[in-house]
Amino acid sequence: GEDLKRVMDLIYASPANFEFIDDDKLADLPNKVVGAVALQLNQKLREF
């Protein structure tokens, strides 16, 4: 949670400094657990 707070603070301060990976690339990972975690983080932080 502390890692996410730091990232959200950075995004809030300078949103243009961050790029996000395509959701399709994360959803297609063979390790479904890693893909699901990364996909959810990617989507929520992109929304933020």
ModelCIF file with pLDDT and N, C-alpha, C, O atoms, coordinates in Angstrom:
data_MODEL
#
_entry.id   MODEL 
#
_entity.id                         1 
_entity.type                       polymer 
_entity.pdbx_number_of_molecules   1 
#
_entity_poly.entity_id                      1 
_entity_poly.type                           'polypeptide(L)' 
_entity_poly.nstd_linkage                   no 
_entity_poly.nstd_monomer                   no 
_entity_poly.pdbx_seq_one_letter_code       GEDLKRVMDLIYASPANFEFIDDDKLADLPNKVVGAVALQLNQKLREF 
_entity_poly.pdbx_seq_one_letter_code_can   GEDLKRVMDLIYASPANFEFIDDDKLADLPNKVVGAVALQLNQKLREF 
_entity_poly.pdbx_strand_id                 A 
#
loop_
_entity_poly_seq.entity_id 
_entity_poly_seq.num 
_entity_poly_seq.mon_id 
_entity_poly_seq.hetero 
1 1  GLY n 
1 2  GLU n 
1 3  ASP n 
1 4  LEU n 
1 5  LYS n 
1 6  ARG n 
1 7  VAL n 
1 8  MET n 
1 9  ASP n 
1 10 LEU n 
1 11 ILE n 
1 12 TYR n 
1 13 ALA n 
1 14 SER n 
1 15 PRO n 
1 16 ALA n 
1 17 ASN n 
1 18 PHE n 
1 19 GLU n 
1 20 PHE n 
1 21 ILE n 
1 22 ASP n 
1 23 ASP n 
1 24 ASP n 
1 25 LYS n 
1 26 LEU n 
1 27 ALA n 
1 28 ASP n 
1 29 LEU n 
1 30 PRO n 
1 31 ASN n 
1 32 LYS n 
1 33 VAL n 
1 34 VAL n 
1 35 GLY n 
1 36 ALA n 
1 37 VAL n 
1 38 ALA n 
1 39 LEU n 
1 40 GLN n 
1 41 LEU n 
1 42 ASN n 
1 43 GLN n 
1 44 LYS n 
1 45 LEU n 
1 46 ARG n 
1 47 GLU n 
1 48 PHE n 
#
_struct_asym.id          A 
_struct_asym.entity_id   1 
#
loop_
_ma_qa_metric.id 
_ma_qa_metric.mode 
_ma_qa_metric.name 
_ma_qa_metric.software_group_id 
_ma_qa_metric.type 
1 global pLDDT . pLDDT 
2 local  pLDDT . pLDDT 
#
_ma_qa_metric_global.metric_id      1 
_ma_qa_metric_global.metric_value   91.44 
_ma_qa_metric_global.model_id       1 
_ma_qa_metric_global.ordinal_id     1 
#
loop_
_ma_qa_metric_local.label_asym_id 
_ma_qa_metric_local.label_comp_id 
_ma_qa_metric_local.label_seq_id 
_ma_qa_metric_local.metric_id 
_ma_qa_metric_local.metric_value 
_ma_qa_metric_local.model_id 
_ma_qa_metric_local.ordinal_id 
A GLY 1  2 93.00 1 1  
A GLU 2  2 92.00 1 2  
A ASP 3  2 90.00 1 3  
A LEU 4  2 92.00 1 4  
A LYS 5  2 92.00 1 5  
A ARG 6  2 90.00 1 6  
A VAL 7  2 90.00 1 7  
A MET 8  2 92.00 1 8  
A ASP 9  2 92.00 1 9  
A LEU 10 2 90.00 1 10 
A ILE 11 2 92.00 1 11 
A TYR 12 2 92.00 1 12 
A ALA 13 2 91.00 1 13 
A SER 14 2 90.00 1 14 
A PRO 15 2 89.00 1 15 
A ALA 16 2 88.00 1 16 
A ASN 17 2 88.00 1 17 
A PHE 18 2 89.00 1 18 
A GLU 19 2 90.00 1 19 
A PHE 20 2 92.00 1 20 
A ILE 21 2 90.00 1 21 
A ASP 22 2 91.00 1 22 
A ASP 23 2 93.00 1 23 
A ASP 24 2 92.00 1 24 
A LYS 25 2 90.00 1 25 
A LEU 26 2 90.00 1 26 
A ALA 27 2 88.00 1 27 
A ASP 28 2 90.00 1 28 
A LEU 29 2 90.00 1 29 
A PRO 30 2 90.00 1 30 
A ASN 31 2 89.00 1 31 
A LYS 32 2 90.00 1 32 
A VAL 33 2 90.00 1 33 
A VAL 34 2 90.00 1 34 
A GLY 35 2 91.00 1 35 
A ALA 36 2 92.00 1 36 
A VAL 37 2 92.00 1 37 
A ALA 38 2 92.00 1 38 
A LEU 39 2 94.00 1 39 
A GLN 40 2 94.00 1 40 
A LEU 41 2 93.00 1 41 
A ASN 42 2 93.00 1 42 
A GLN 43 2 95.00 1 43 
A LYS 44 2 95.00 1 44 
A LEU 45 2 94.00 1 45 
A ARG 46 2 95.00 1 46 
A GLU 47 2 96.00 1 47 
A PHE 48 2 96.00 1 48 
#
loop_
_atom_site.group_PDB 
_atom_site.id 
_atom_site.type_symbol 
_atom_site.label_atom_id 
_atom_site.label_alt_id 
_atom_site.label_comp_id 
_atom_site.label_asym_id 
_atom_site.label_entity_id 
_atom_site.label_seq_id 
_atom_site.pdbx_PDB_ins_code 
_atom_site.Cartn_x 
_atom_site.Cartn_y 
_atom_site.Cartn_z 
_atom_site.occupancy 
_atom_site.B_iso_or_equiv 
_atom_site.pdbx_formal_charge 
_atom_site.auth_seq_id 
_atom_site.auth_comp_id 
_atom_site.auth_asym_id 
_atom_site.auth_atom_id 
_atom_site.pdbx_PDB_model_num 
ATOM 1   N N  . GLY A 1 1  ? 0.818  -1.210  0.000   1.00 93.00 ? 1  GLY A N  1 
ATOM 2   C CA . GLY A 1 1  ? 0.000  0.000   0.000   1.00 93.00 ? 1  GLY A CA 1 
ATOM 3   C C  . GLY A 1 1  ? 0.852  1.260   0.000   1.00 93.00 ? 1  GLY A C  1 
ATOM 4   O O  . GLY A 1 1  ? 0.504  2.252   -0.641  1.00 93.00 ? 1  GLY A O  1 
ATOM 5   N N  . GLU A 1 2  ? 1.955  1.222   0.710   1.00 92.00 ? 2  GLU A N  1 
ATOM 6   C CA . GLU A 1 2  ? 2.864  2.368   0.755   1.00 92.00 ? 2  GLU A CA 1 
ATOM 7   C C  . GLU A 1 2  ? 3.483  2.617   -0.622  1.00 92.00 ? 2  GLU A C  1 
ATOM 8   O O  . GLU A 1 2  ? 3.655  3.767   -1.027  1.00 92.00 ? 2  GLU A O  1 
ATOM 9   N N  . ASP A 1 3  ? 3.818  1.543   -1.340  1.00 90.00 ? 3  ASP A N  1 
ATOM 10  C CA . ASP A 1 3  ? 4.341  1.683   -2.706  1.00 90.00 ? 3  ASP A CA 1 
ATOM 11  C C  . ASP A 1 3  ? 3.308  2.360   -3.606  1.00 90.00 ? 3  ASP A C  1 
ATOM 12  O O  . ASP A 1 3  ? 3.642  3.251   -4.388  1.00 90.00 ? 3  ASP A O  1 
ATOM 13  N N  . LEU A 1 4  ? 2.053  1.930   -3.489  1.00 92.00 ? 4  LEU A N  1 
ATOM 14  C CA . LEU A 1 4  ? 0.987  2.516   -4.303  1.00 92.00 ? 4  LEU A CA 1 
ATOM 15  C C  . LEU A 1 4  ? 0.766  3.987   -3.952  1.00 92.00 ? 4  LEU A C  1 
ATOM 16  O O  . LEU A 1 4  ? 0.525  4.807   -4.838  1.00 92.00 ? 4  LEU A O  1 
ATOM 17  N N  . LYS A 1 5  ? 0.845  4.316   -2.687  1.00 92.00 ? 5  LYS A N  1 
ATOM 18  C CA . LYS A 1 5  ? 0.684  5.716   -2.272  1.00 92.00 ? 5  LYS A CA 1 
ATOM 19  C C  . LYS A 1 5  ? 1.778  6.585   -2.874  1.00 92.00 ? 5  LYS A C  1 
ATOM 20  O O  . LYS A 1 5  ? 1.502  7.681   -3.363  1.00 92.00 ? 5  LYS A O  1 
ATOM 21  N N  . ARG A 1 6  ? 3.025  6.101   -2.840  1.00 90.00 ? 6  ARG A N  1 
ATOM 22  C CA . ARG A 1 6  ? 4.134  6.864   -3.429  1.00 90.00 ? 6  ARG A CA 1 
ATOM 23  C C  . ARG A 1 6  ? 3.906  7.079   -4.920  1.00 90.00 ? 6  ARG A C  1 
ATOM 24  O O  . ARG A 1 6  ? 4.105  8.181   -5.431  1.00 90.00 ? 6  ARG A O  1 
ATOM 25  N N  . VAL A 1 7  ? 3.487  6.018   -5.619  1.00 90.00 ? 7  VAL A N  1 
ATOM 26  C CA . VAL A 1 7  ? 3.248  6.122   -7.057  1.00 90.00 ? 7  VAL A CA 1 
ATOM 27  C C  . VAL A 1 7  ? 2.099  7.093   -7.335  1.00 90.00 ? 7  VAL A C  1 
ATOM 28  O O  . VAL A 1 7  ? 2.184  7.908   -8.254  1.00 90.00 ? 7  VAL A O  1 
ATOM 29  N N  . MET A 1 8  ? 1.038  7.009   -6.552  1.00 92.00 ? 8  MET A N  1 
ATOM 30  C CA . MET A 1 8  ? -0.089 7.914   -6.748  1.00 92.00 ? 8  MET A CA 1 
ATOM 31  C C  . MET A 1 8  ? 0.321  9.367   -6.490  1.00 92.00 ? 8  MET A C  1 
ATOM 32  O O  . MET A 1 8  ? -0.137 10.268  -7.193  1.00 92.00 ? 8  MET A O  1 
ATOM 33  N N  . ASP A 1 9  ? 1.168  9.601   -5.505  1.00 92.00 ? 9  ASP A N  1 
ATOM 34  C CA . ASP A 1 9  ? 1.679  10.951  -5.253  1.00 92.00 ? 9  ASP A CA 1 
ATOM 35  C C  . ASP A 1 9  ? 2.463  11.460  -6.466  1.00 92.00 ? 9  ASP A C  1 
ATOM 36  O O  . ASP A 1 9  ? 2.314  12.614  -6.867  1.00 92.00 ? 9  ASP A O  1 
ATOM 37  N N  . LEU A 1 10 ? 3.293  10.596  -7.045  1.00 90.00 ? 10 LEU A N  1 
ATOM 38  C CA . LEU A 1 10 ? 4.084  10.979  -8.221  1.00 90.00 ? 10 LEU A CA 1 
ATOM 39  C C  . LEU A 1 10 ? 3.191  11.246  -9.424  1.00 90.00 ? 10 LEU A C  1 
ATOM 40  O O  . LEU A 1 10 ? 3.396  12.215  -10.155 1.00 90.00 ? 10 LEU A O  1 
ATOM 41  N N  . ILE A 1 11 ? 2.204  10.386  -9.628  1.00 92.00 ? 11 ILE A N  1 
ATOM 42  C CA . ILE A 1 11 ? 1.270  10.576  -10.738 1.00 92.00 ? 11 ILE A CA 1 
ATOM 43  C C  . ILE A 1 11 ? 0.479  11.862  -10.543 1.00 92.00 ? 11 ILE A C  1 
ATOM 44  O O  . ILE A 1 11 ? 0.285  12.619  -11.495 1.00 92.00 ? 11 ILE A O  1 
ATOM 45  N N  . TYR A 1 12 ? 0.026  12.115  -9.333  1.00 92.00 ? 12 TYR A N  1 
ATOM 46  C CA . TYR A 1 12 ? -0.744 13.323  -9.034  1.00 92.00 ? 12 TYR A CA 1 
ATOM 47  C C  . TYR A 1 12 ? 0.078  14.575  -9.351  1.00 92.00 ? 12 TYR A C  1 
ATOM 48  O O  . TYR A 1 12 ? -0.439 15.542  -9.910  1.00 92.00 ? 12 TYR A O  1 
ATOM 49  N N  . ALA A 1 13 ? 1.354  14.543  -8.990  1.00 91.00 ? 13 ALA A N  1 
ATOM 50  C CA . ALA A 1 13 ? 2.230  15.698  -9.203  1.00 91.00 ? 13 ALA A CA 1 
ATOM 51  C C  . ALA A 1 13 ? 2.556  15.906  -10.682 1.00 91.00 ? 13 ALA A C  1 
ATOM 52  O O  . ALA A 1 13 ? 2.615  17.044  -11.147 1.00 91.00 ? 13 ALA A O  1 
ATOM 53  N N  . SER A 1 14 ? 2.765  14.829  -11.416 1.00 90.00 ? 14 SER A N  1 
ATOM 54  C CA . SER A 1 14 ? 3.173  14.938  -12.827 1.00 90.00 ? 14 SER A CA 1 
ATOM 55  C C  . SER A 1 14 ? 2.587  13.802  -13.649 1.00 90.00 ? 14 SER A C  1 
ATOM 56  O O  . SER A 1 14 ? 3.315  12.878  -14.010 1.00 90.00 ? 14 SER A O  1 
ATOM 57  N N  . PRO A 1 15 ? 1.295  13.840  -13.957 1.00 89.00 ? 15 PRO A N  1 
ATOM 58  C CA . PRO A 1 15 ? 0.679  12.721  -14.687 1.00 89.00 ? 15 PRO A CA 1 
ATOM 59  C C  . PRO A 1 15 ? 1.311  12.447  -16.051 1.00 89.00 ? 15 PRO A C  1 
ATOM 60  O O  . PRO A 1 15 ? 1.341  11.300  -16.499 1.00 89.00 ? 15 PRO A O  1 
ATOM 61  N N  . ALA A 1 16 ? 1.805  13.470  -16.699 1.00 88.00 ? 16 ALA A N  1 
ATOM 62  C CA . ALA A 1 16 ? 2.382  13.284  -18.041 1.00 88.00 ? 16 ALA A CA 1 
ATOM 63  C C  . ALA A 1 16 ? 3.663  12.459  -18.020 1.00 88.00 ? 16 ALA A C  1 
ATOM 64  O O  . ALA A 1 16 ? 4.093  11.972  -19.066 1.00 88.00 ? 16 ALA A O  1 
ATOM 65  N N  . ASN A 1 17 ? 4.280  12.290  -16.858 1.00 88.00 ? 17 ASN A N  1 
ATOM 66  C CA . ASN A 1 17 ? 5.543  11.549  -16.773 1.00 88.00 ? 17 ASN A CA 1 
ATOM 67  C C  . ASN A 1 17 ? 5.370  10.037  -16.807 1.00 88.00 ? 17 ASN A C  1 
ATOM 68  O O  . ASN A 1 17 ? 6.362  9.309   -16.835 1.00 88.00 ? 17 ASN A O  1 
ATOM 69  N N  . PHE A 1 18 ? 4.137  9.550   -16.806 1.00 89.00 ? 18 PHE A N  1 
ATOM 70  C CA . PHE A 1 18 ? 3.914  8.114   -16.703 1.00 89.00 ? 18 PHE A CA 1 
ATOM 71  C C  . PHE A 1 18 ? 3.199  7.553   -17.924 1.00 89.00 ? 18 PHE A C  1 
ATOM 72  O O  . PHE A 1 18 ? 2.233  8.131   -18.420 1.00 89.00 ? 18 PHE A O  1 
ATOM 73  N N  . GLU A 1 19 ? 3.697  6.412   -18.397 1.00 90.00 ? 19 GLU A N  1 
ATOM 74  C CA . GLU A 1 19 ? 3.087  5.677   -19.502 1.00 90.00 ? 19 GLU A CA 1 
ATOM 75  C C  . GLU A 1 19 ? 2.654  4.321   -18.964 1.00 90.00 ? 19 GLU A C  1 
ATOM 76  O O  . GLU A 1 19 ? 3.221  3.810   -17.998 1.00 90.00 ? 19 GLU A O  1 
ATOM 77  N N  . PHE A 1 20 ? 1.654  3.757   -19.595 1.00 92.00 ? 20 PHE A N  1 
ATOM 78  C CA . PHE A 1 20 ? 1.143  2.471   -19.148 1.00 92.00 ? 20 PHE A CA 1 
ATOM 79  C C  . PHE A 1 20 ? 1.262  1.437   -20.258 1.00 92.00 ? 20 PHE A C  1 
ATOM 80  O O  . PHE A 1 20 ? 1.167  1.765   -21.441 1.00 92.00 ? 20 PHE A O  1 
ATOM 81  N N  . ILE A 1 21 ? 1.468  0.209   -19.870 1.00 90.00 ? 21 ILE A N  1 
ATOM 82  C CA . ILE A 1 21 ? 1.596  -0.903  -20.793 1.00 90.00 ? 21 ILE A CA 1 
ATOM 83  C C  . ILE A 1 21 ? 0.202  -1.306  -21.282 1.00 90.00 ? 21 ILE A C  1 
ATOM 84  O O  . ILE A 1 21 ? -0.781 -1.106  -20.568 1.00 90.00 ? 21 ILE A O  1 
ATOM 85  N N  . ASP A 1 22 ? 0.104  -1.865  -22.480 1.00 91.00 ? 22 ASP A N  1 
ATOM 86  C CA . ASP A 1 22 ? -1.181 -2.329  -23.004 1.00 91.00 ? 22 ASP A CA 1 
ATOM 87  C C  . ASP A 1 22 ? -1.750 -3.427  -22.117 1.00 91.00 ? 22 ASP A C  1 
ATOM 88  O O  . ASP A 1 22 ? -1.046 -4.362  -21.736 1.00 91.00 ? 22 ASP A O  1 
ATOM 89  N N  . ASP A 1 23 ? -3.033 -3.303  -21.794 1.00 93.00 ? 23 ASP A N  1 
ATOM 90  C CA . ASP A 1 23 ? -3.698 -4.320  -20.974 1.00 93.00 ? 23 ASP A CA 1 
ATOM 91  C C  . ASP A 1 23 ? -3.602 -5.703  -21.616 1.00 93.00 ? 23 ASP A C  1 
ATOM 92  O O  . ASP A 1 23 ? -3.469 -6.705  -20.914 1.00 93.00 ? 23 ASP A O  1 
ATOM 93  N N  . ASP A 1 24 ? -3.670 -5.761  -22.946 1.00 92.00 ? 24 ASP A N  1 
ATOM 94  C CA . ASP A 1 24 ? -3.615 -7.046  -23.650 1.00 92.00 ? 24 ASP A CA 1 
ATOM 95  C C  . ASP A 1 24 ? -2.318 -7.797  -23.366 1.00 92.00 ? 24 ASP A C  1 
ATOM 96  O O  . ASP A 1 24 ? -2.324 -9.019  -23.222 1.00 92.00 ? 24 ASP A O  1 
ATOM 97  N N  . LYS A 1 25 ? -1.212 -7.068  -23.285 1.00 90.00 ? 25 LYS A N  1 
ATOM 98  C CA . LYS A 1 25 ? 0.077  -7.711  -23.000 1.00 90.00 ? 25 LYS A CA 1 
ATOM 99  C C  . LYS A 1 25 ? 0.074  -8.344  -21.615 1.00 90.00 ? 25 LYS A C  1 
ATOM 100 O O  . LYS A 1 25 ? 0.625  -9.427  -21.422 1.00 90.00 ? 25 LYS A O  1 
ATOM 101 N N  . LEU A 1 26 ? -0.539 -7.676  -20.666 1.00 90.00 ? 26 LEU A N  1 
ATOM 102 C CA . LEU A 1 26 ? -0.589 -8.210  -19.301 1.00 90.00 ? 26 LEU A CA 1 
ATOM 103 C C  . LEU A 1 26 ? -1.573 -9.376  -19.206 1.00 90.00 ? 26 LEU A C  1 
ATOM 104 O O  . LEU A 1 26 ? -1.302 -10.364 -18.523 1.00 90.00 ? 26 LEU A O  1 
ATOM 105 N N  . ALA A 1 27 ? -2.698 -9.265  -19.881 1.00 88.00 ? 27 ALA A N  1 
ATOM 106 C CA . ALA A 1 27 ? -3.715 -10.318 -19.833 1.00 88.00 ? 27 ALA A CA 1 
ATOM 107 C C  . ALA A 1 27 ? -3.232 -11.598 -20.504 1.00 88.00 ? 27 ALA A C  1 
ATOM 108 O O  . ALA A 1 27 ? -3.698 -12.687 -20.169 1.00 88.00 ? 27 ALA A O  1 
ATOM 109 N N  . ASP A 1 28 ? -2.300 -11.476 -21.452 1.00 90.00 ? 28 ASP A N  1 
ATOM 110 C CA . ASP A 1 28 ? -1.808 -12.642 -22.191 1.00 90.00 ? 28 ASP A CA 1 
ATOM 111 C C  . ASP A 1 28 ? -0.611 -13.330 -21.545 1.00 90.00 ? 28 ASP A C  1 
ATOM 112 O O  . ASP A 1 28 ? -0.078 -14.287 -22.107 1.00 90.00 ? 28 ASP A O  1 
ATOM 113 N N  . LEU A 1 29 ? -0.184 -12.866 -20.388 1.00 90.00 ? 29 LEU A N  1 
ATOM 114 C CA . LEU A 1 29 ? 0.966  -13.500 -19.734 1.00 90.00 ? 29 LEU A CA 1 
ATOM 115 C C  . LEU A 1 29 ? 0.625  -14.936 -19.338 1.00 90.00 ? 29 LEU A C  1 
ATOM 116 O O  . LEU A 1 29 ? -0.492 -15.203 -18.894 1.00 90.00 ? 29 LEU A O  1 
ATOM 117 N N  . PRO A 1 30 ? 1.573  -15.866 -19.495 1.00 90.00 ? 30 PRO A N  1 
ATOM 118 C CA . PRO A 1 30 ? 1.309  -17.260 -19.124 1.00 90.00 ? 30 PRO A CA 1 
ATOM 119 C C  . PRO A 1 30 ? 1.034  -17.445 -17.630 1.00 90.00 ? 30 PRO A C  1 
ATOM 120 O O  . PRO A 1 30 ? 0.233  -18.296 -17.243 1.00 90.00 ? 30 PRO A O  1 
ATOM 121 N N  . ASN A 1 31 ? 1.696  -16.650 -16.799 1.00 89.00 ? 31 ASN A N  1 
ATOM 122 C CA . ASN A 1 31 ? 1.454  -16.719 -15.360 1.00 89.00 ? 31 ASN A CA 1 
ATOM 123 C C  . ASN A 1 31 ? 0.228  -15.851 -15.075 1.00 89.00 ? 31 ASN A C  1 
ATOM 124 O O  . ASN A 1 31 ? 0.339  -14.628 -14.991 1.00 89.00 ? 31 ASN A O  1 
ATOM 125 N N  . LYS A 1 32 ? -0.920 -16.469 -14.930 1.00 90.00 ? 32 LYS A N  1 
ATOM 126 C CA . LYS A 1 32 ? -2.195 -15.754 -14.811 1.00 90.00 ? 32 LYS A CA 1 
ATOM 127 C C  . LYS A 1 32 ? -2.291 -14.924 -13.533 1.00 90.00 ? 32 LYS A C  1 
ATOM 128 O O  . LYS A 1 32 ? -2.951 -13.885 -13.524 1.00 90.00 ? 32 LYS A O  1 
ATOM 129 N N  . VAL A 1 33 ? -1.649 -15.362 -12.462 1.00 90.00 ? 33 VAL A N  1 
ATOM 130 C CA . VAL A 1 33 ? -1.681 -14.599 -11.207 1.00 90.00 ? 33 VAL A CA 1 
ATOM 131 C C  . VAL A 1 33 ? -0.932 -13.281 -11.387 1.00 90.00 ? 33 VAL A C  1 
ATOM 132 O O  . VAL A 1 33 ? -1.450 -12.218 -11.044 1.00 90.00 ? 33 VAL A O  1 
ATOM 133 N N  . VAL A 1 34 ? 0.271  -13.348 -11.919 1.00 90.00 ? 34 VAL A N  1 
ATOM 134 C CA . VAL A 1 34 ? 1.066  -12.142 -12.156 1.00 90.00 ? 34 VAL A CA 1 
ATOM 135 C C  . VAL A 1 34 ? 0.329  -11.228 -13.129 1.00 90.00 ? 34 VAL A C  1 
ATOM 136 O O  . VAL A 1 34 ? 0.261  -10.016 -12.920 1.00 90.00 ? 34 VAL A O  1 
ATOM 137 N N  . GLY A 1 35 ? -0.220 -11.807 -14.187 1.00 91.00 ? 35 GLY A N  1 
ATOM 138 C CA . GLY A 1 35 ? -0.949 -11.021 -15.176 1.00 91.00 ? 35 GLY A CA 1 
ATOM 139 C C  . GLY A 1 35 ? -2.157 -10.319 -14.575 1.00 91.00 ? 35 GLY A C  1 
ATOM 140 O O  . GLY A 1 35 ? -2.406 -9.150  -14.872 1.00 91.00 ? 35 GLY A O  1 
ATOM 141 N N  . ALA A 1 36 ? -2.909 -11.019 -13.735 1.00 92.00 ? 36 ALA A N  1 
ATOM 142 C CA . ALA A 1 36 ? -4.109 -10.441 -13.126 1.00 92.00 ? 36 ALA A CA 1 
ATOM 143 C C  . ALA A 1 36 ? -3.761 -9.305  -12.167 1.00 92.00 ? 36 ALA A C  1 
ATOM 144 O O  . ALA A 1 36 ? -4.424 -8.267  -12.169 1.00 92.00 ? 36 ALA A O  1 
ATOM 145 N N  . VAL A 1 37 ? -2.730 -9.492  -11.352 1.00 92.00 ? 37 VAL A N  1 
ATOM 146 C CA . VAL A 1 37 ? -2.313 -8.456  -10.413 1.00 92.00 ? 37 VAL A CA 1 
ATOM 147 C C  . VAL A 1 37 ? -1.832 -7.227  -11.181 1.00 92.00 ? 37 VAL A C  1 
ATOM 148 O O  . VAL A 1 37 ? -2.253 -6.105  -10.900 1.00 92.00 ? 37 VAL A O  1 
ATOM 149 N N  . ALA A 1 38 ? -0.951 -7.449  -12.148 1.00 92.00 ? 38 ALA A N  1 
ATOM 150 C CA . ALA A 1 38 ? -0.407 -6.337  -12.936 1.00 92.00 ? 38 ALA A CA 1 
ATOM 151 C C  . ALA A 1 38 ? -1.510 -5.624  -13.719 1.00 92.00 ? 38 ALA A C  1 
ATOM 152 O O  . ALA A 1 38 ? -1.512 -4.397  -13.815 1.00 92.00 ? 38 ALA A O  1 
ATOM 153 N N  . LEU A 1 39 ? -2.438 -6.385  -14.270 1.00 94.00 ? 39 LEU A N  1 
ATOM 154 C CA . LEU A 1 39 ? -3.536 -5.805  -15.048 1.00 94.00 ? 39 LEU A CA 1 
ATOM 155 C C  . LEU A 1 39 ? -4.400 -4.888  -14.179 1.00 94.00 ? 39 LEU A C  1 
ATOM 156 O O  . LEU A 1 39 ? -4.732 -3.776  -14.587 1.00 94.00 ? 39 LEU A O  1 
ATOM 157 N N  . GLN A 1 40 ? -4.759 -5.351  -12.993 1.00 94.00 ? 40 GLN A N  1 
ATOM 158 C CA . GLN A 1 40 ? -5.587 -4.526  -12.109 1.00 94.00 ? 40 GLN A CA 1 
ATOM 159 C C  . GLN A 1 40 ? -4.856 -3.262  -11.662 1.00 94.00 ? 40 GLN A C  1 
ATOM 160 O O  . GLN A 1 40 ? -5.443 -2.180  -11.639 1.00 94.00 ? 40 GLN A O  1 
ATOM 161 N N  . LEU A 1 41 ? -3.582 -3.394  -11.309 1.00 93.00 ? 41 LEU A N  1 
ATOM 162 C CA . LEU A 1 41 ? -2.804 -2.218  -10.922 1.00 93.00 ? 41 LEU A CA 1 
ATOM 163 C C  . LEU A 1 41 ? -2.693 -1.244  -12.094 1.00 93.00 ? 41 LEU A C  1 
ATOM 164 O O  . LEU A 1 41 ? -2.856 -0.036  -11.924 1.00 93.00 ? 41 LEU A O  1 
ATOM 165 N N  . ASN A 1 42 ? -2.418 -1.775  -13.271 1.00 93.00 ? 42 ASN A N  1 
ATOM 166 C CA . ASN A 1 42 ? -2.269 -0.959  -14.472 1.00 93.00 ? 42 ASN A CA 1 
ATOM 167 C C  . ASN A 1 42 ? -3.562 -0.183  -14.757 1.00 93.00 ? 42 ASN A C  1 
ATOM 168 O O  . ASN A 1 42 ? -3.517 1.017   -15.027 1.00 93.00 ? 42 ASN A O  1 
ATOM 169 N N  . GLN A 1 43 ? -4.689 -0.853  -14.699 1.00 95.00 ? 43 GLN A N  1 
ATOM 170 C CA . GLN A 1 43 ? -5.978 -0.215  -14.996 1.00 95.00 ? 43 GLN A CA 1 
ATOM 171 C C  . GLN A 1 43 ? -6.326 0.861   -13.973 1.00 95.00 ? 43 GLN A C  1 
ATOM 172 O O  . GLN A 1 43 ? -6.728 1.964   -14.345 1.00 95.00 ? 43 GLN A O  1 
ATOM 173 N N  . LYS A 1 44 ? -6.178 0.552   -12.704 1.00 95.00 ? 44 LYS A N  1 
ATOM 174 C CA . LYS A 1 44 ? -6.554 1.503   -11.650 1.00 95.00 ? 44 LYS A CA 1 
ATOM 175 C C  . LYS A 1 44 ? -5.634 2.721   -11.632 1.00 95.00 ? 44 LYS A C  1 
ATOM 176 O O  . LYS A 1 44 ? -6.099 3.845   -11.445 1.00 95.00 ? 44 LYS A O  1 
ATOM 177 N N  . LEU A 1 45 ? -4.337 2.507   -11.826 1.00 94.00 ? 45 LEU A N  1 
ATOM 178 C CA . LEU A 1 45 ? -3.416 3.638   -11.836 1.00 94.00 ? 45 LEU A CA 1 
ATOM 179 C C  . LEU A 1 45 ? -3.593 4.478   -13.102 1.00 94.00 ? 45 LEU A C  1 
ATOM 180 O O  . LEU A 1 45 ? -3.400 5.693   -13.064 1.00 94.00 ? 45 LEU A O  1 
ATOM 181 N N  . ARG A 1 46 ? -3.958 3.848   -14.219 1.00 95.00 ? 46 ARG A N  1 
ATOM 182 C CA . ARG A 1 46 ? -4.252 4.599   -15.439 1.00 95.00 ? 46 ARG A CA 1 
ATOM 183 C C  . ARG A 1 46 ? -5.494 5.483   -15.218 1.00 95.00 ? 46 ARG A C  1 
ATOM 184 O O  . ARG A 1 46 ? -5.511 6.646   -15.620 1.00 95.00 ? 46 ARG A O  1 
ATOM 185 N N  . GLU A 1 47 ? -6.520 4.926   -14.585 1.00 96.00 ? 47 GLU A N  1 
ATOM 186 C CA . GLU A 1 47 ? -7.724 5.706   -14.258 1.00 96.00 ? 47 GLU A CA 1 
ATOM 187 C C  . GLU A 1 47 ? -7.356 6.900   -13.374 1.00 96.00 ? 47 GLU A C  1 
ATOM 188 O O  . GLU A 1 47 ? -7.832 8.014   -13.589 1.00 96.00 ? 47 GLU A O  1 
ATOM 189 N N  . PHE A 1 48 ? -6.508 6.650   -12.382 1.00 96.00 ? 48 PHE A N  1 
ATOM 190 C CA . PHE A 1 48 ? -6.093 7.730   -11.494 1.00 96.00 ? 48 PHE A CA 1 
ATOM 191 C C  . PHE A 1 48 ? -5.339 8.806   -12.278 1.00 96.00 ? 48 PHE A C  1 
ATOM 192 O O  . PHE A 1 48 ? -4.907 9.803   -11.700 1.00 96.00 ? 48 PHE A O  1 
#
